[in-house]
Amino acid sequence: MIEARHLRVLRAVAATGSFSAAGRELGCTQPAVSQQMKALEASVGTPLLIRTGREMRLTQAGEALVRHAAGIIAGLTAAEEEVAAIAGLRAGRVRLVSFPSGSSTLVPTALAALRAAHPGTRVSLEEAEPPRSVEMLREGDCDVTLAFRYEGAAGSEGVEEWADLVIRPLLTDRLVGLVPEGHRLARAGAVAIGDLADEPWIAGCPRCRGQLVEVCERAGFTPRIDFATDDYPAVVGLVGAGLGVAVLPELAIESVRPKGARTVTVEPALRREIVALTLPDLAQVPAVAATLDQLARAAAR
């Protein structure tokens, strides 16, 4: 019989490459990890790991079991949480992953409302950008993830790739231009993206950078990106210091005071769709459903 605790240990060994490193990650000893792996191999009746030098490598059977482990663990988590709720235990646990601008705007309002309505529900927060955040959901490392996709993007990431997930639409986030206060277009009502063709650019996260290049190339030029950073306040600061221009989501600017910089409307209009994602099994868990509801309410406000 395969036990969930053994699957968690196998995933840790596969991720770290050794029993000792897996033990450190899980907070147990190397012998304990070794014993649990022996028990798991006895349960399935075939070797799952082989030693190559100082590292442990998965056998073909081990690779197959790790592939299925995330779904099994997620299913067990869903079962445990739902049973606890049915039994009247006013408790729940939600692991939330969000991209930074969502963490600073939607998440605080949603979690404050969730705590007020369900004080026994515990929520942890980790930051990651899509597509990594979506991978974390599928791998069983979180219960809810905030993600986004750009309207009209040429890339493959989007609703089609989320077909196996529960999608909760939250809002459409408009992108705006950001230029230094003394810039020639700082007081323009609207700016065509092509008007910024000769400017130095400050770009955001890798996915945002790809979208920027795609939009600029459609307008007939390739942007000269002088600086790139995942930190939105840093982007605003660099623009404010006169080092370039940027295009940022309004959600990202909402929590930052753009000192020395001005926002301008960009044409053609650029937008991204913000959604909350979870797995179908987890969507039935009361604490997860309540988190999705509060995120939707925060977005509506």
Protein backbone atom coordinates (compact mmCIF):
# COMPACT_ATOMS: atom_id res chain seq x y z
CA MET A 1 0.00 0.00 0.00
CA ILE A 2 1.41 3.37 -1.05
CA GLU A 3 1.32 6.01 1.71
CA ALA A 4 1.14 9.76 1.08
CA ARG A 5 4.05 10.42 3.46
CA HIS A 6 6.24 8.11 1.39
CA LEU A 7 5.26 9.98 -1.81
CA ARG A 8 6.20 13.30 -0.21
CA VAL A 9 9.61 11.87 0.72
CA LEU A 10 10.12 10.47 -2.80
CA ARG A 11 9.37 13.90 -4.31
CA ALA A 12 11.87 15.50 -1.95
CA VAL A 13 14.58 12.98 -2.88
CA ALA A 14 13.86 13.49 -6.59
CA ALA A 15 14.08 17.28 -6.17
CA THR A 16 17.23 17.36 -4.01
CA GLY A 17 19.15 14.36 -5.36
CA SER A 18 20.06 12.79 -2.01
CA PHE A 19 18.60 11.30 1.16
CA SER A 20 20.46 13.76 3.40
CA ALA A 21 19.29 16.85 1.44
CA ALA A 22 15.72 15.50 1.39
CA GLY A 23 15.94 14.96 5.15
CA ARG A 24 17.01 18.56 5.70
CA GLU A 25 14.12 19.81 3.56
CA LEU A 26 11.57 17.64 5.37
CA GLY A 27 13.01 18.13 8.85
CA CYS A 28 13.96 14.49 9.47
CA THR A 29 17.11 12.38 9.51
CA GLN A 30 18.84 10.71 6.57
CA PRO A 31 18.20 7.19 8.00
CA ALA A 32 14.48 8.02 8.31
CA VAL A 33 14.36 9.03 4.65
CA SER A 34 16.19 5.83 3.67
CA GLN A 35 13.78 3.68 5.68
CA GLN A 36 10.74 5.34 4.12
CA MET A 37 12.13 4.81 0.63
CA LYS A 38 12.77 1.12 1.39
CA ALA A 39 9.19 0.82 2.63
CA LEU A 40 7.86 2.47 -0.54
CA GLU A 41 9.95 0.22 -2.80
CA ALA A 42 8.66 -2.80 -0.87
CA SER A 43 5.08 -1.58 -1.38
CA VAL A 44 5.42 -1.20 -5.16
CA GLY A 45 7.68 -4.22 -5.60
CA THR A 46 10.35 -2.56 -7.74
CA PRO A 47 13.35 -0.23 -7.26
CA LEU A 48 12.52 3.48 -7.49
CA LEU A 49 15.98 4.97 -6.92
CA ILE A 50 19.53 4.10 -7.95
CA ARG A 51 22.72 5.71 -6.70
CA THR A 52 24.97 7.37 -9.30
CA GLY A 53 28.06 8.74 -7.59
CA ARG A 54 26.86 10.95 -4.77
CA GLU A 55 23.38 11.48 -6.22
CA MET A 56 20.21 9.41 -6.22
CA ARG A 57 18.57 9.02 -9.62
CA LEU A 58 15.01 7.90 -10.32
CA THR A 59 14.39 4.64 -12.15
CA GLN A 60 11.71 4.56 -14.82
CA ALA A 61 9.23 3.35 -12.19
CA GLY A 62 10.34 6.15 -9.87
CA GLU A 63 9.78 8.75 -12.57
CA ALA A 64 6.27 7.41 -13.19
CA LEU A 65 5.42 7.52 -9.48
CA VAL A 66 6.73 11.09 -9.07
CA ARG A 67 4.61 12.18 -12.05
CA HIS A 68 1.49 10.90 -10.33
CA ALA A 69 2.49 11.97 -6.82
CA ALA A 70 1.39 15.63 -7.13
CA GLY A 71 -2.13 14.69 -8.17
CA ILE A 72 -2.38 12.01 -5.47
CA ILE A 73 -1.20 14.41 -2.74
CA ALA A 74 -3.53 17.17 -3.98
CA GLY A 75 -6.44 14.72 -3.96
CA LEU A 76 -5.63 13.59 -0.43
CA THR A 77 -5.35 17.21 0.74
CA ALA A 78 -8.75 17.96 -0.78
CA ALA A 79 -10.26 14.91 0.93
CA GLU A 80 -8.78 15.80 4.32
CA GLU A 81 -9.96 19.41 4.16
CA GLU A 82 -13.47 18.55 2.97
CA VAL A 83 -13.91 15.82 5.59
CA ALA A 84 -12.72 18.22 8.30
CA ALA A 85 -15.26 20.83 7.17
CA ILE A 86 -18.10 18.29 7.04
CA ALA A 87 -17.16 17.12 10.52
CA GLY A 88 -17.70 20.66 11.76
CA LEU A 89 -14.09 21.59 12.37
CA ARG A 90 -14.07 25.33 11.75
CA ALA A 91 -10.61 25.21 10.25
CA GLY A 92 -8.93 25.23 6.87
CA ARG A 93 -5.59 25.73 5.22
CA VAL A 94 -4.93 27.45 1.89
CA ARG A 95 -1.56 27.86 0.18
CA LEU A 96 -1.80 30.89 -2.09
CA VAL A 97 0.70 31.89 -4.78
CA SER A 98 0.49 35.33 -6.38
CA PHE A 99 2.49 37.54 -8.72
CA PRO A 100 3.88 40.66 -6.96
CA SER A 101 1.38 43.29 -8.13
CA GLY A 102 -1.47 40.99 -7.12
CA SER A 103 0.17 40.43 -3.72
CA SER A 104 0.23 44.16 -3.00
CA THR A 105 -3.30 44.99 -4.21
CA LEU A 106 -5.85 42.15 -4.41
CA VAL A 107 -4.42 39.76 -1.82
CA PRO A 108 -4.38 41.98 1.32
CA THR A 109 -8.05 42.97 0.93
CA ALA A 110 -9.12 39.40 0.17
CA LEU A 111 -7.22 37.82 3.06
CA ALA A 112 -8.39 40.43 5.56
CA ALA A 113 -12.02 39.70 4.59
CA LEU A 114 -11.35 35.95 4.70
CA ARG A 115 -9.89 36.17 8.21
CA ALA A 116 -12.85 38.23 9.43
CA ALA A 117 -15.36 35.73 8.00
CA HIS A 118 -13.40 32.55 8.81
CA PRO A 119 -10.89 33.23 11.61
CA GLY A 120 -9.91 29.57 11.79
CA THR A 121 -8.70 29.46 8.19
CA ARG A 122 -4.92 29.75 7.79
CA VAL A 123 -3.49 31.14 4.55
CA SER A 124 0.16 31.12 3.49
CA LEU A 125 1.43 33.35 0.67
CA GLU A 126 4.29 32.83 -1.75
CA GLU A 127 5.19 34.93 -4.77
CA ALA A 128 5.81 33.59 -8.27
CA GLU A 129 5.08 34.81 -11.78
CA PRO A 130 3.21 32.69 -14.33
CA PRO A 131 3.90 30.25 -15.86
CA ARG A 132 5.91 29.07 -12.80
CA SER A 133 2.98 29.78 -10.46
CA VAL A 134 0.71 27.59 -12.61
CA GLU A 135 3.31 24.80 -12.56
CA MET A 136 3.36 25.02 -8.75
CA LEU A 137 -0.40 24.47 -8.69
CA ARG A 138 -0.19 21.41 -10.93
CA GLU A 139 2.75 20.03 -8.91
CA GLY A 140 0.73 20.19 -5.70
CA ASP A 141 2.80 22.98 -4.13
CA CYS A 142 -0.13 25.40 -3.69
CA ASP A 143 -3.93 25.38 -3.63
CA VAL A 144 -4.75 28.67 -5.39
CA THR A 145 -2.66 30.74 -7.74
CA LEU A 146 -3.20 34.20 -9.19
CA ALA A 147 -2.14 34.32 -12.83
CA PHE A 148 -2.49 36.56 -15.85
CA ARG A 149 -2.38 36.43 -19.62
CA TYR A 150 -2.11 39.24 -22.14
CA GLU A 151 -4.94 39.84 -24.57
CA GLY A 152 -3.91 38.94 -28.10
CA ALA A 153 -0.55 37.49 -27.02
CA ALA A 154 1.08 35.18 -29.54
CA GLY A 155 2.41 32.81 -26.86
CA SER A 156 0.76 29.51 -26.02
CA GLU A 157 0.12 30.22 -22.33
CA GLY A 158 -3.53 31.05 -21.73
CA VAL A 159 -6.98 29.58 -21.37
CA GLU A 160 -6.15 26.55 -23.54
CA GLU A 161 -3.28 25.62 -21.22
CA TRP A 162 -5.60 26.10 -18.22
CA ALA A 163 -8.23 23.70 -19.57
CA ASP A 164 -7.58 21.20 -16.76
CA LEU A 165 -7.96 23.88 -14.07
CA VAL A 166 -10.84 25.78 -12.48
CA ILE A 167 -10.61 29.39 -13.72
CA ARG A 168 -12.10 32.25 -11.67
CA PRO A 169 -11.94 35.49 -13.73
CA LEU A 170 -11.10 38.47 -11.51
CA LEU A 171 -10.50 41.60 -13.59
CA THR A 172 -9.03 43.09 -16.75
CA ASP A 173 -5.95 45.16 -16.01
CA ARG A 174 -5.06 47.97 -18.43
CA LEU A 175 -1.42 48.71 -19.21
CA VAL A 176 -0.25 52.31 -19.17
CA GLY A 177 2.90 54.07 -20.31
CA LEU A 178 5.30 55.53 -17.77
CA VAL A 179 7.62 58.39 -18.78
CA PRO A 180 9.85 60.83 -16.82
CA GLU A 181 8.10 64.05 -15.71
CA GLY A 182 10.23 66.15 -18.05
CA HIS A 183 9.67 63.90 -21.07
CA ARG A 184 8.33 65.47 -24.28
CA LEU A 185 5.20 63.24 -24.06
CA ALA A 186 4.61 63.55 -20.30
CA ARG A 187 1.51 65.72 -20.78
CA ALA A 188 0.15 64.00 -23.87
CA GLY A 189 -3.38 62.68 -23.59
CA ALA A 190 -2.49 59.47 -25.39
CA VAL A 191 0.75 58.08 -26.79
CA ALA A 192 1.12 55.67 -29.68
CA ILE A 193 3.60 52.92 -28.83
CA GLY A 194 5.50 53.81 -32.02
CA ASP A 195 6.15 57.32 -30.63
CA LEU A 196 8.47 55.67 -28.09
CA ALA A 197 10.45 53.69 -30.67
CA ASP A 198 13.71 55.59 -30.11
CA GLU A 199 13.52 55.63 -26.30
CA PRO A 200 15.56 53.46 -23.91
CA TRP A 201 13.19 51.00 -22.17
CA ILE A 202 12.92 49.55 -18.68
CA ALA A 203 11.24 46.13 -18.81
CA GLY A 204 9.55 44.04 -16.12
CA CYS A 205 9.25 40.29 -15.50
CA PRO A 206 10.38 37.84 -18.23
CA ARG A 207 6.83 37.27 -19.44
CA CYS A 208 6.14 41.03 -19.45
CA ARG A 209 9.37 41.58 -21.39
CA GLY A 210 8.23 39.11 -24.04
CA GLN A 211 4.89 40.90 -24.33
CA LEU A 212 6.65 44.29 -24.64
CA VAL A 213 8.88 43.07 -27.47
CA GLU A 214 5.90 41.49 -29.24
CA VAL A 215 3.80 44.69 -29.05
CA CYS A 216 6.68 46.90 -30.20
CA GLU A 217 7.52 44.61 -33.11
CA ARG A 218 3.90 44.75 -34.24
CA ALA A 219 4.34 48.55 -34.25
CA GLY A 220 7.41 48.19 -36.47
CA PHE A 221 10.36 48.46 -34.06
CA THR A 222 12.40 46.46 -31.56
CA PRO A 223 12.69 48.17 -28.16
CA ARG A 224 16.15 48.95 -26.81
CA ILE A 225 15.89 47.48 -23.30
CA ASP A 226 18.54 49.10 -21.11
CA PHE A 227 17.28 47.74 -17.79
CA ALA A 228 15.14 44.76 -16.81
CA THR A 229 13.85 44.00 -13.32
CA ASP A 230 11.02 41.98 -11.74
CA ASP A 231 10.66 44.71 -9.08
CA TYR A 232 7.93 47.16 -10.15
CA PRO A 233 8.98 49.90 -7.69
CA ALA A 234 12.46 49.66 -9.24
CA VAL A 235 10.96 50.12 -12.73
CA VAL A 236 9.10 53.22 -11.51
CA GLY A 237 12.26 54.54 -9.83
CA LEU A 238 14.37 54.07 -12.96
CA VAL A 239 11.77 55.90 -15.08
CA GLY A 240 11.52 58.66 -12.47
CA ALA A 241 15.29 59.10 -12.62
CA GLY A 242 15.01 59.76 -16.36
CA LEU A 243 16.68 56.51 -17.44
CA GLY A 244 13.99 55.36 -19.81
CA VAL A 245 10.30 54.66 -20.40
CA ALA A 246 8.16 51.66 -19.50
CA VAL A 247 4.74 50.09 -19.95
CA LEU A 248 3.27 48.76 -16.70
CA PRO A 249 -0.09 47.31 -15.58
CA GLU A 250 -2.23 49.75 -13.60
CA LEU A 251 -2.36 47.15 -10.82
CA ALA A 252 1.42 47.41 -10.48
CA ILE A 253 1.35 51.21 -10.25
CA GLU A 254 -1.55 51.26 -7.78
CA SER A 255 0.65 50.45 -4.79
CA VAL A 256 3.66 52.54 -5.90
CA ARG A 257 3.94 56.34 -5.77
CA PRO A 258 5.51 57.19 -9.15
CA LYS A 259 7.83 59.96 -7.93
CA GLY A 260 9.38 61.79 -10.89
CA ALA A 261 7.33 59.81 -13.41
CA ARG A 262 4.03 60.33 -15.22
CA THR A 263 1.52 57.80 -16.56
CA VAL A 264 0.16 58.20 -20.09
CA THR A 265 -2.47 56.29 -22.04
CA VAL A 266 -0.92 53.92 -24.58
CA GLU A 267 -2.43 53.19 -27.99
CA PRO A 268 -3.33 50.63 -29.15
CA ALA A 269 -4.88 49.62 -25.81
CA LEU A 270 -2.96 46.89 -24.00
CA ARG A 271 -4.65 44.71 -21.39
CA ARG A 272 -4.06 41.58 -19.36
CA GLU A 273 -6.64 39.26 -17.82
CA ILE A 274 -6.20 38.49 -14.11
CA VAL A 275 -7.57 35.14 -12.90
CA ALA A 276 -7.46 32.85 -9.89
CA LEU A 277 -6.76 29.19 -10.66
CA THR A 278 -7.16 25.99 -8.69
CA LEU A 279 -7.49 22.26 -9.31
CA PRO A 280 -11.00 20.76 -9.74
CA ASP A 281 -10.66 18.63 -6.57
CA LEU A 282 -9.45 21.58 -4.51
CA ALA A 283 -12.28 23.82 -5.74
CA GLN A 284 -14.65 21.70 -3.61
CA VAL A 285 -12.69 22.44 -0.42
CA PRO A 286 -14.59 25.09 1.61
CA ALA A 287 -11.49 27.09 2.57
CA VAL A 288 -10.32 27.21 -1.07
CA ALA A 289 -13.79 28.17 -2.32
CA ALA A 290 -13.97 30.95 0.30
CA THR A 291 -10.55 32.25 -0.79
CA LEU A 292 -11.68 32.36 -4.43
CA ASP A 293 -14.83 34.23 -3.41
CA GLN A 294 -12.89 36.84 -1.43
CA LEU A 295 -10.40 37.36 -4.27
CA ALA A 296 -13.33 37.97 -6.64
CA ARG A 297 -14.88 40.48 -4.20
CA ALA A 298 -11.55 42.28 -3.77
CA ALA A 299 -11.21 42.52 -7.57
CA ALA A 300 -14.76 43.87 -7.90
CA ARG A 301 -13.93 46.65 -5.41
